[in-house]
Amino acid sequence: MKFSIKDILSGDILAQQWVRRQYKLTLLICGLFFVYIYFGYQSERQQDRLNDLNKELQDAYFTQQTINAQVMTMTRQSSISKLLEEQGSNLKESHRSAIKIE
């Protein structure tokens, strides 16, 4: 099991008996290494997608909040009265309280 740098560089080390017996283990380790790299890239890709979806969700939330505030402003009694006046409508606000019919 003695070898030198010359044996490694020339490739003679691959012809030795103990190296030839371990080729299956070497192939297994290489295969596992490639699988490890593949799953690392997959998890990185999924994390990027998750970050993009979180940004999109946050944008949708803020858009919803903005629209909700606009709707609340538009549906106030004073805003509706002002809008009716601008359109020249004959509708007027009632000053009598509502009557409950039983």
PDB file of N, CA and C in Angstrom:
ATOM      1  N   MET A   1       0.817  -1.169   0.000  1.00  0.00           N
ATOM      2  CA  MET A   1       0.000   0.000   0.000  1.00  0.00           C
ATOM      3  C   MET A   1       0.875   1.253   0.000  1.00  0.00           C
ATOM      4  N   LYS A   2       2.062   1.081  -0.412  1.00  0.00           N
ATOM      5  CA  LYS A   2       2.970   2.203  -0.495  1.00  0.00           C
ATOM      6  C   LYS A   2       2.870   2.815  -1.880  1.00  0.00           C
ATOM      7  N   PHE A   3       2.718   4.144  -1.919  1.00  0.00           N
ATOM      8  CA  PHE A   3       2.647   4.817  -3.204  1.00  0.00           C
ATOM      9  C   PHE A   3       3.303   6.177  -3.076  1.00  0.00           C
ATOM     10  N   SER A   4       3.662   6.714  -4.222  1.00  0.00           N
ATOM     11  CA  SER A   4       4.334   8.011  -4.240  1.00  0.00           C
ATOM     12  C   SER A   4       3.507   9.000  -5.068  1.00  0.00           C
ATOM     13  N   ILE A   5       3.988  10.195  -5.097  1.00  0.00           N
ATOM     14  CA  ILE A   5       3.307  11.231  -5.868  1.00  0.00           C
ATOM     15  C   ILE A   5       3.373  10.895  -7.354  1.00  0.00           C
ATOM     16  N   LYS A   6       4.454  10.262  -7.769  1.00  0.00           N
ATOM     17  CA  LYS A   6       4.595   9.848  -9.172  1.00  0.00           C
ATOM     18  C   LYS A   6       3.502   8.851  -9.534  1.00  0.00           C
ATOM     19  N   ASP A   7       3.171   7.929  -8.621  1.00  0.00           N
ATOM     20  CA  ASP A   7       2.104   6.951  -8.869  1.00  0.00           C
ATOM     21  C   ASP A   7       0.736   7.641  -8.991  1.00  0.00           C
ATOM     22  N   ILE A   8       0.510   8.643  -8.158  1.00  0.00           N
ATOM     23  CA  ILE A   8      -0.768   9.360  -8.193  1.00  0.00           C
ATOM     24  C   ILE A   8      -0.905  10.138  -9.495  1.00  0.00           C
ATOM     25  N   LEU A   9       0.162  10.878  -9.874  1.00  0.00           N
ATOM     26  CA  LEU A   9       0.108  11.698 -11.077  1.00  0.00           C
ATOM     27  C   LEU A   9       0.050  10.862 -12.350  1.00  0.00           C
ATOM     28  N   SER A  10       0.692   9.720 -12.372  1.00  0.00           N
ATOM     29  CA  SER A  10       0.677   8.886 -13.574  1.00  0.00           C
ATOM     30  C   SER A  10      -0.587   8.038 -13.666  1.00  0.00           C
ATOM     31  N   GLY A  11      -1.310   7.876 -12.569  1.00  0.00           N
ATOM     32  CA  GLY A  11      -2.525   7.076 -12.576  1.00  0.00           C
ATOM     33  C   GLY A  11      -2.279   5.627 -12.216  1.00  0.00           C
ATOM     34  N   ASP A  12      -1.046   5.265 -11.883  1.00  0.00           N
ATOM     35  CA  ASP A  12      -0.738   3.881 -11.523  1.00  0.00           C
ATOM     36  C   ASP A  12      -1.420   3.469 -10.218  1.00  0.00           C
ATOM     37  N   ILE A  13      -1.775   4.425  -9.408  1.00  0.00           N
ATOM     38  CA  ILE A  13      -2.418   4.110  -8.137  1.00  0.00           C
ATOM     39  C   ILE A  13      -3.791   3.452  -8.361  1.00  0.00           C
ATOM     40  N   LEU A  14      -4.438   3.785  -9.487  1.00  0.00           N
ATOM     41  CA  LEU A  14      -5.743   3.209  -9.791  1.00  0.00           C
ATOM     42  C   LEU A  14      -5.664   1.728 -10.141  1.00  0.00           C
ATOM     43  N   ALA A  15      -4.486   1.257 -10.481  1.00  0.00           N
ATOM     44  CA  ALA A  15      -4.312  -0.150 -10.846  1.00  0.00           C
ATOM     45  C   ALA A  15      -4.025  -1.025  -9.627  1.00  0.00           C
ATOM     46  N   GLN A  16      -3.821  -0.451  -8.494  1.00  0.00           N
ATOM     47  CA  GLN A  16      -3.519  -1.243  -7.300  1.00  0.00           C
ATOM     48  C   GLN A  16      -4.772  -1.965  -6.816  1.00  0.00           C
ATOM     49  N   GLN A  17      -4.551  -3.103  -6.183  1.00  0.00           N
ATOM     50  CA  GLN A  17      -5.639  -3.987  -5.767  1.00  0.00           C
ATOM     51  C   GLN A  17      -6.588  -3.325  -4.773  1.00  0.00           C
ATOM     52  N   TRP A  18      -6.131  -2.628  -3.778  1.00  0.00           N
ATOM     53  CA  TRP A  18      -7.005  -2.060  -2.750  1.00  0.00           C
ATOM     54  C   TRP A  18      -7.868  -0.938  -3.301  1.00  0.00           C
ATOM     55  N   VAL A  19      -7.388  -0.233  -4.350  1.00  0.00           N
ATOM     56  CA  VAL A  19      -8.181   0.819  -4.976  1.00  0.00           C
ATOM     57  C   VAL A  19      -9.286   0.193  -5.822  1.00  0.00           C
ATOM     58  N   ARG A  20      -8.965  -0.888  -6.536  1.00  0.00           N
ATOM     59  CA  ARG A  20      -9.957  -1.554  -7.368  1.00  0.00           C
ATOM     60  C   ARG A  20     -11.072  -2.186  -6.534  1.00  0.00           C
ATOM     61  N   ARG A  21     -10.758  -2.584  -5.328  1.00  0.00           N
ATOM     62  CA  ARG A  21     -11.799  -3.162  -4.462  1.00  0.00           C
ATOM     63  C   ARG A  21     -12.766  -2.096  -3.943  1.00  0.00           C
ATOM     64  N   GLN A  22     -12.352  -0.853  -3.897  1.00  0.00           N
ATOM     65  CA  GLN A  22     -13.158   0.213  -3.316  1.00  0.00           C
ATOM     66  C   GLN A  22     -13.917   1.038  -4.360  1.00  0.00           C
ATOM     67  N   TYR A  23     -13.949   0.619  -5.627  1.00  0.00           N
ATOM     68  CA  TYR A  23     -14.583   1.445  -6.648  1.00  0.00           C
ATOM     69  C   TYR A  23     -16.096   1.577  -6.412  1.00  0.00           C
ATOM     70  N   LYS A  24     -16.753   0.553  -5.898  1.00  0.00           N
ATOM     71  CA  LYS A  24     -18.194   0.650  -5.630  1.00  0.00           C
ATOM     72  C   LYS A  24     -18.472   1.694  -4.543  1.00  0.00           C
ATOM     73  N   LEU A  25     -17.652   1.681  -3.517  1.00  0.00           N
ATOM     74  CA  LEU A  25     -17.809   2.669  -2.449  1.00  0.00           C
ATOM     75  C   LEU A  25     -17.557   4.082  -2.984  1.00  0.00           C
ATOM     76  N   THR A  26     -16.566   4.227  -3.839  1.00  0.00           N
ATOM     77  CA  THR A  26     -16.262   5.525  -4.436  1.00  0.00           C
ATOM     78  C   THR A  26     -17.432   6.014  -5.294  1.00  0.00           C
ATOM     79  N   LEU A  27     -18.009   5.120  -6.089  1.00  0.00           N
ATOM     80  CA  LEU A  27     -19.171   5.489  -6.903  1.00  0.00           C
ATOM     81  C   LEU A  27     -20.363   5.866  -6.030  1.00  0.00           C
ATOM     82  N   LEU A  28     -20.572   5.147  -4.934  1.00  0.00           N
ATOM     83  CA  LEU A  28     -21.661   5.467  -4.018  1.00  0.00           C
ATOM     84  C   LEU A  28     -21.466   6.852  -3.400  1.00  0.00           C
ATOM     85  N   ILE A  29     -20.261   7.131  -2.962  1.00  0.00           N
ATOM     86  CA  ILE A  29     -19.972   8.437  -2.365  1.00  0.00           C
ATOM     87  C   ILE A  29     -20.168   9.547  -3.395  1.00  0.00           C
ATOM     88  N   CYS A  30     -19.722   9.346  -4.626  1.00  0.00           N
ATOM     89  CA  CYS A  30     -19.913  10.355  -5.684  1.00  0.00           C
ATOM     90  C   CYS A  30     -21.401  10.555  -5.971  1.00  0.00           C
ATOM     91  N   GLY A  31     -22.144   9.465  -6.039  1.00  0.00           N
ATOM     92  CA  GLY A  31     -23.591   9.571  -6.271  1.00  0.00           C
ATOM     93  C   GLY A  31     -24.283  10.340  -5.160  1.00  0.00           C
ATOM     94  N   LEU A  32     -23.944  10.025  -3.916  1.00  0.00           N
ATOM     95  CA  LEU A  32     -24.535  10.741  -2.793  1.00  0.00           C
ATOM     96  C   LEU A  32     -24.146  12.221  -2.802  1.00  0.00           C
ATOM     97  N   PHE A  33     -22.945  12.504  -3.234  1.00  0.00           N
ATOM     98  CA  PHE A  33     -22.489  13.884  -3.328  1.00  0.00           C
ATOM     99  C   PHE A  33     -23.332  14.661  -4.341  1.00  0.00           C
ATOM    100  N   PHE A  34     -23.598  14.057  -5.511  1.00  0.00           N
ATOM    101  CA  PHE A  34     -24.422  14.717  -6.518  1.00  0.00           C
ATOM    102  C   PHE A  34     -25.862  14.898  -6.041  1.00  0.00           C
ATOM    103  N   VAL A  35     -26.383  13.917  -5.340  1.00  0.00           N
ATOM    104  CA  VAL A  35     -27.737  14.039  -4.789  1.00  0.00           C
ATOM    105  C   VAL A  35     -27.784  15.161  -3.758  1.00  0.00           C
ATOM    106  N   TYR A  36     -26.776  15.265  -2.933  1.00  0.00           N
ATOM    107  CA  TYR A  36     -26.701  16.327  -1.931  1.00  0.00           C
ATOM    108  C   TYR A  36     -26.689  17.709  -2.592  1.00  0.00           C
ATOM    109  N   ILE A  37     -25.906  17.859  -3.653  1.00  0.00           N
ATOM    110  CA  ILE A  37     -25.845  19.131  -4.378  1.00  0.00           C
ATOM    111  C   ILE A  37     -27.191  19.436  -5.022  1.00  0.00           C
ATOM    112  N   TYR A  38     -27.828  18.423  -5.631  1.00  0.00           N
ATOM    113  CA  TYR A  38     -29.118  18.617  -6.281  1.00  0.00           C
ATOM    114  C   TYR A  38     -30.162  19.108  -5.280  1.00  0.00           C
ATOM    115  N   PHE A  39     -30.252  18.459  -4.135  1.00  0.00           N
ATOM    116  CA  PHE A  39     -31.248  18.864  -3.148  1.00  0.00           C
ATOM    117  C   PHE A  39     -30.915  20.235  -2.536  1.00  0.00           C
ATOM    118  N   GLY A  40     -29.653  20.580  -2.478  1.00  0.00           N
ATOM    119  CA  GLY A  40     -29.273  21.910  -2.018  1.00  0.00           C
ATOM    120  C   GLY A  40     -29.794  22.982  -2.965  1.00  0.00           C
ATOM    121  N   TYR A  41     -29.631  22.755  -4.277  1.00  0.00           N
ATOM    122  CA  TYR A  41     -30.156  23.706  -5.256  1.00  0.00           C
ATOM    123  C   TYR A  41     -31.679  23.747  -5.224  1.00  0.00           C
ATOM    124  N   GLN A  42     -32.316  22.584  -5.053  1.00  0.00           N
ATOM    125  CA  GLN A  42     -33.774  22.539  -4.984  1.00  0.00           C
ATOM    126  C   GLN A  42     -34.293  23.344  -3.802  1.00  0.00           C
ATOM    127  N   SER A  43     -33.682  23.186  -2.644  1.00  0.00           N
ATOM    128  CA  SER A  43     -34.140  23.915  -1.460  1.00  0.00           C
ATOM    129  C   SER A  43     -33.889  25.416  -1.618  1.00  0.00           C
ATOM    130  N   GLU A  44     -32.800  25.772  -2.252  1.00  0.00           N
ATOM    131  CA  GLU A  44     -32.511  27.189  -2.498  1.00  0.00           C
ATOM    132  C   GLU A  44     -33.558  27.787  -3.441  1.00  0.00           C
ATOM    133  N   ARG A  45     -33.926  27.045  -4.484  1.00  0.00           N
ATOM    134  CA  ARG A  45     -34.946  27.494  -5.422  1.00  0.00           C
ATOM    135  C   ARG A  45     -36.300  27.645  -4.723  1.00  0.00           C
ATOM    136  N   GLN A  46     -36.650  26.700  -3.859  1.00  0.00           N
ATOM    137  CA  GLN A  46     -37.912  26.780  -3.127  1.00  0.00           C
ATOM    138  C   GLN A  46     -37.915  27.957  -2.154  1.00  0.00           C
ATOM    139  N   GLN A  47     -36.788  28.217  -1.532  1.00  0.00           N
ATOM    140  CA  GLN A  47     -36.694  29.348  -0.611  1.00  0.00           C
ATOM    141  C   GLN A  47     -36.859  30.666  -1.366  1.00  0.00           C
ATOM    142  N   ASP A  48     -36.269  30.778  -2.559  1.00  0.00           N
ATOM    143  CA  ASP A  48     -36.439  31.980  -3.372  1.00  0.00           C
ATOM    144  C   ASP A  48     -37.903  32.161  -3.770  1.00  0.00           C
ATOM    145  N   ARG A  49     -38.554  31.071  -4.151  1.00  0.00           N
ATOM    146  CA  ARG A  49     -39.976  31.146  -4.527  1.00  0.00           C
ATOM    147  C   ARG A  49     -40.827  31.551  -3.333  1.00  0.00           C
ATOM    148  N   LEU A  50     -40.508  31.015  -2.169  1.00  0.00           N
ATOM    149  CA  LEU A  50     -41.250  31.364  -0.954  1.00  0.00           C
ATOM    150  C   LEU A  50     -41.076  32.851  -0.630  1.00  0.00           C
ATOM    151  N   ASN A  51     -39.872  33.364  -0.783  1.00  0.00           N
ATOM    152  CA  ASN A  51     -39.632  34.793  -0.549  1.00  0.00           C
ATOM    153  C   ASN A  51     -40.420  35.654  -1.538  1.00  0.00           C
ATOM    154  N   ASP A  52     -40.445  35.239  -2.818  1.00  0.00           N
ATOM    155  CA  ASP A  52     -41.218  35.984  -3.817  1.00  0.00           C
ATOM    156  C   ASP A  52     -42.702  35.972  -3.479  1.00  0.00           C
ATOM    157  N   LEU A  53     -43.223  34.819  -3.058  1.00  0.00           N
ATOM    158  CA  LEU A  53     -44.640  34.725  -2.712  1.00  0.00           C
ATOM    159  C   LEU A  53     -44.965  35.558  -1.472  1.00  0.00           C
ATOM    160  N   ASN A  54     -44.047  35.604  -0.515  1.00  0.00           N
ATOM    161  CA  ASN A  54     -44.273  36.437   0.668  1.00  0.00           C
ATOM    162  C   ASN A  54     -44.313  37.924   0.297  1.00  0.00           C
ATOM    163  N   LYS A  55     -43.441  38.348  -0.607  1.00  0.00           N
ATOM    164  CA  LYS A  55     -43.469  39.745  -1.069  1.00  0.00           C
ATOM    165  C   LYS A  55     -44.782  40.035  -1.783  1.00  0.00           C
ATOM    166  N   GLU A  56     -45.221  39.104  -2.629  1.00  0.00           N
ATOM    167  CA  GLU A  56     -46.475  39.287  -3.353  1.00  0.00           C
ATOM    168  C   GLU A  56     -47.660  39.343  -2.385  1.00  0.00           C
ATOM    169  N   LEU A  57     -47.632  38.501  -1.363  1.00  0.00           N
ATOM    170  CA  LEU A  57     -48.695  38.506  -0.358  1.00  0.00           C
ATOM    171  C   LEU A  57     -48.718  39.822   0.404  1.00  0.00           C
ATOM    172  N   GLN A  58     -47.566  40.332   0.749  1.00  0.00           N
ATOM    173  CA  GLN A  58     -47.484  41.603   1.463  1.00  0.00           C
ATOM    174  C   GLN A  58     -47.997  42.746   0.579  1.00  0.00           C
ATOM    175  N   ASP A  59     -47.650  42.730  -0.709  1.00  0.00           N
ATOM    176  CA  ASP A  59     -48.154  43.755  -1.628  1.00  0.00           C
ATOM    177  C   ASP A  59     -49.677  43.681  -1.740  1.00  0.00           C
ATOM    178  N   ALA A  60     -50.208  42.461  -1.820  1.00  0.00           N
ATOM    179  CA  ALA A  60     -51.661  42.297  -1.907  1.00  0.00           C
ATOM    180  C   ALA A  60     -52.335  42.787  -0.624  1.00  0.00           C
ATOM    181  N   TYR A  61     -51.714  42.537   0.512  1.00  0.00           N
ATOM    182  CA  TYR A  61     -52.282  42.989   1.795  1.00  0.00           C
ATOM    183  C   TYR A  61     -52.353  44.519   1.842  1.00  0.00           C
ATOM    184  N   PHE A  62     -51.277  45.190   1.439  1.00  0.00           N
ATOM    185  CA  PHE A  62     -51.267  46.648   1.467  1.00  0.00           C
ATOM    186  C   PHE A  62     -52.245  47.225   0.441  1.00  0.00           C
ATOM    187  N   THR A  63     -52.373  46.576  -0.705  1.00  0.00           N
ATOM    188  CA  THR A  63     -53.354  47.009  -1.694  1.00  0.00           C
ATOM    189  C   THR A  63     -54.765  46.884  -1.134  1.00  0.00           C
ATOM    190  N   GLN A  64     -55.038  45.788  -0.458  1.00  0.00           N
ATOM    191  CA  GLN A  64     -56.351  45.573   0.157  1.00  0.00           C
ATOM    192  C   GLN A  64     -56.621  46.626   1.219  1.00  0.00           C
ATOM    193  N   GLN A  65     -55.625  46.936   2.023  1.00  0.00           N
ATOM    194  CA  GLN A  65     -55.796  47.954   3.059  1.00  0.00           C
ATOM    195  C   GLN A  65     -56.099  49.323   2.440  1.00  0.00           C
ATOM    196  N   THR A  66     -55.406  49.654   1.352  1.00  0.00           N
ATOM    197  CA  THR A  66     -55.628  50.933   0.680  1.00  0.00           C
ATOM    198  C   THR A  66     -57.033  51.008   0.099  1.00  0.00           C
ATOM    199  N   ILE A  67     -57.461  49.949  -0.571  1.00  0.00           N
ATOM    200  CA  ILE A  67     -58.797  49.923  -1.160  1.00  0.00           C
ATOM    201  C   ILE A  67     -59.862  49.987  -0.070  1.00  0.00           C
ATOM    202  N   ASN A  68     -59.632  49.282   1.024  1.00  0.00           N
ATOM    203  CA  ASN A  68     -60.580  49.295   2.140  1.00  0.00           C
ATOM    204  C   ASN A  68     -60.724  50.714   2.697  1.00  0.00           C
ATOM    205  N   ALA A  69     -59.635  51.416   2.847  1.00  0.00           N
ATOM    206  CA  ALA A  69     -59.692  52.793   3.356  1.00  0.00           C
ATOM    207  C   ALA A  69     -60.427  53.701   2.374  1.00  0.00           C
ATOM    208  N   GLN A  70     -60.195  53.515   1.081  1.00  0.00           N
ATOM    209  CA  GLN A  70     -60.886  54.321   0.079  1.00  0.00           C
ATOM    210  C   GLN A  70     -62.389  54.055   0.101  1.00  0.00           C
ATOM    211  N   VAL A  71     -62.782  52.807   0.232  1.00  0.00           N
ATOM    212  CA  VAL A  71     -64.204  52.460   0.277  1.00  0.00           C
ATOM    213  C   VAL A  71     -64.854  53.044   1.525  1.00  0.00           C
ATOM    214  N   MET A  72     -64.161  52.965   2.638  1.00  0.00           N
ATOM    215  CA  MET A  72     -64.708  53.530   3.876  1.00  0.00           C
ATOM    216  C   MET A  72     -64.903  55.041   3.740  1.00  0.00           C
ATOM    217  N   THR A  73     -63.988  55.717   3.080  1.00  0.00           N
ATOM    218  CA  THR A  73     -64.104  57.162   2.873  1.00  0.00           C
ATOM    219  C   THR A  73     -65.260  57.483   1.933  1.00  0.00           C
ATOM    220  N   MET A  74     -65.395  56.691   0.881  1.00  0.00           N
ATOM    221  CA  MET A  74     -66.441  56.953  -0.113  1.00  0.00           C
ATOM    222  C   MET A  74     -67.843  56.656   0.415  1.00  0.00           C
ATOM    223  N   THR A  75     -67.987  55.773   1.373  1.00  0.00           N
ATOM    224  CA  THR A  75     -69.320  55.395   1.844  1.00  0.00           C
ATOM    225  C   THR A  75     -69.774  56.191   3.056  1.00  0.00           C
ATOM    226  N   ARG A  76     -69.017  57.180   3.473  1.00  0.00           N
ATOM    227  CA  ARG A  76     -69.472  58.045   4.563  1.00  0.00           C
ATOM    228  C   ARG A  76     -70.648  58.884   4.077  1.00  0.00           C
ATOM    229  N   GLN A  77     -71.528  59.205   4.993  1.00  0.00           N
ATOM    230  CA  GLN A  77     -72.730  59.960   4.640  1.00  0.00           C
ATOM    231  C   GLN A  77     -72.368  61.306   4.025  1.00  0.00           C
ATOM    232  N   SER A  78     -71.373  61.955   4.569  1.00  0.00           N
ATOM    233  CA  SER A  78     -70.991  63.270   4.041  1.00  0.00           C
ATOM    234  C   SER A  78     -70.428  63.157   2.627  1.00  0.00           C
ATOM    235  N   SER A  79     -69.671  62.101   2.359  1.00  0.00           N
ATOM    236  CA  SER A  79     -69.116  61.915   1.016  1.00  0.00           C
ATOM    237  C   SER A  79     -70.215  61.626   0.010  1.00  0.00           C
ATOM    238  N   ILE A  80     -71.205  60.833   0.405  1.00  0.00           N
ATOM    239  CA  ILE A  80     -72.315  60.516  -0.498  1.00  0.00           C
ATOM    240  C   ILE A  80     -73.135  61.771  -0.778  1.00  0.00           C
ATOM    241  N   SER A  81     -73.403  62.573   0.263  1.00  0.00           N
ATOM    242  CA  SER A  81     -74.153  63.818   0.067  1.00  0.00           C
ATOM    243  C   SER A  81     -73.409  64.756  -0.873  1.00  0.00           C
ATOM    244  N   LYS A  82     -72.117  64.879  -0.689  1.00  0.00           N
ATOM    245  CA  LYS A  82     -71.301  65.755  -1.533  1.00  0.00           C
ATOM    246  C   LYS A  82     -71.310  65.264  -2.981  1.00  0.00           C
ATOM    247  N   LEU A  83     -71.218  63.961  -3.185  1.00  0.00           N
ATOM    248  CA  LEU A  83     -71.227  63.374  -4.523  1.00  0.00           C
ATOM    249  C   LEU A  83     -72.571  63.611  -5.208  1.00  0.00           C
ATOM    250  N   LEU A  84     -73.669  63.480  -4.463  1.00  0.00           N
ATOM    251  CA  LEU A  84     -74.994  63.729  -5.030  1.00  0.00           C
ATOM    252  C   LEU A  84     -75.163  65.195  -5.430  1.00  0.00           C
ATOM    253  N   GLU A  85     -74.635  66.105  -4.623  1.00  0.00           N
ATOM    254  CA  GLU A  85     -74.704  67.523  -4.959  1.00  0.00           C
ATOM    255  C   GLU A  85     -73.909  67.832  -6.219  1.00  0.00           C
ATOM    256  N   GLU A  86     -72.736  67.224  -6.359  1.00  0.00           N
ATOM    257  CA  GLU A  86     -71.886  67.453  -7.529  1.00  0.00           C
ATOM    258  C   GLU A  86     -72.545  66.940  -8.798  1.00  0.00           C
ATOM    259  N   GLN A  87     -73.309  65.857  -8.691  1.00  0.00           N
ATOM    260  CA  GLN A  87     -73.970  65.302  -9.862  1.00  0.00           C
ATOM    261  C   GLN A  87     -75.298  65.995 -10.160  1.00  0.00           C
ATOM    262  N   GLY A  88     -75.728  66.890  -9.288  1.00  0.00           N
ATOM    263  CA  GLY A  88     -76.955  67.635  -9.517  1.00  0.00           C
ATOM    264  C   GLY A  88     -78.202  66.811  -9.257  1.00  0.00           C
ATOM    265  N   SER A  89     -78.111  65.876  -8.352  1.00  0.00           N
ATOM    266  CA  SER A  89     -79.257  65.025  -8.035  1.00  0.00           C
ATOM    267  C   SER A  89     -80.250  65.782  -7.149  1.00  0.00           C
ATOM    268  N   ASN A  90     -81.521  65.413  -7.246  1.00  0.00           N
ATOM    269  CA  ASN A  90     -82.567  66.027  -6.429  1.00  0.00           C
ATOM    270  C   ASN A  90     -82.732  65.337  -5.084  1.00  0.00           C
ATOM    271  N   LEU A  91     -81.992  64.283  -4.846  1.00  0.00           N
ATOM    272  CA  LEU A  91     -82.117  63.560  -3.572  1.00  0.00           C
ATOM    273  C   LEU A  91     -81.599  64.420  -2.431  1.00  0.00           C
ATOM    274  N   LYS A  92     -82.328  64.432  -1.346  1.00  0.00           N
ATOM    275  CA  LYS A  92     -81.927  65.198  -0.171  1.00  0.00           C
ATOM    276  C   LYS A  92     -81.877  64.268   1.027  1.00  0.00           C
ATOM    277  N   GLU A  93     -81.099  64.648   1.980  1.00  0.00           N
ATOM    278  CA  GLU A  93     -80.957  63.870   3.204  1.00  0.00           C
ATOM    279  C   GLU A  93     -82.195  64.081   4.076  1.00  0.00           C
ATOM    280  N   SER A  94     -82.725  63.012   4.613  1.00  0.00           N
ATOM    281  CA  SER A  94     -83.908  63.081   5.473  1.00  0.00           C
ATOM    282  C   SER A  94     -83.495  63.511   6.872  1.00  0.00           C
ATOM    283  N   HIS A  95     -84.254  64.404   7.450  1.00  0.00           N
ATOM    284  CA  HIS A  95     -83.944  64.861   8.800  1.00  0.00           C
ATOM    285  C   HIS A  95     -84.837  64.199   9.844  1.00  0.00           C
ATOM    286  N   ARG A  96     -85.752  63.374   9.396  1.00  0.00           N
ATOM    287  CA  ARG A  96     -86.610  62.642  10.326  1.00  0.00           C
ATOM    288  C   ARG A  96     -85.947  61.328  10.682  1.00  0.00           C
ATOM    289  N   SER A  97     -86.148  60.890  11.900  1.00  0.00           N
ATOM    290  CA  SER A  97     -85.580  59.621  12.317  1.00  0.00           C
ATOM    291  C   SER A  97     -86.368  58.466  11.708  1.00  0.00           C
ATOM    292  N   ALA A  98     -85.732  57.350  11.645  1.00  0.00           N
ATOM    293  CA  ALA A  98     -86.359  56.171  11.057  1.00  0.00           C
ATOM    294  C   ALA A  98     -87.466  55.654  11.981  1.00  0.00           C
ATOM    295  N   ILE A  99     -88.515  55.119  11.382  1.00  0.00           N
ATOM    296  CA  ILE A  99     -89.648  54.585  12.135  1.00  0.00           C
ATOM    297  C   ILE A  99     -89.622  53.076  12.021  1.00  0.00           C
ATOM    298  N   LYS A 100     -89.749  52.409  13.135  1.00  0.00           N
ATOM    299  CA  LYS A 100     -89.757  50.960  13.163  1.00  0.00           C
ATOM    300  C   LYS A 100     -91.192  50.482  12.945  1.00  0.00           C
ATOM    301  N   ILE A 101     -91.404  49.672  11.934  1.00  0.00           N
ATOM    302  CA  ILE A 101     -92.744  49.152  11.630  1.00  0.00           C
ATOM    303  C   ILE A 101     -92.850  47.772  12.248  1.00  0.00           C
ATOM    304  N   GLU A 102     -93.920  47.591  13.013  1.00  0.00           N
ATOM    305  CA  GLU A 102     -94.098  46.298  13.673  1.00  0.00           C
ATOM    306  C   GLU A 102     -95.241  45.532  13.086  1.00  0.00           C
TER     307      GLU A 102
END
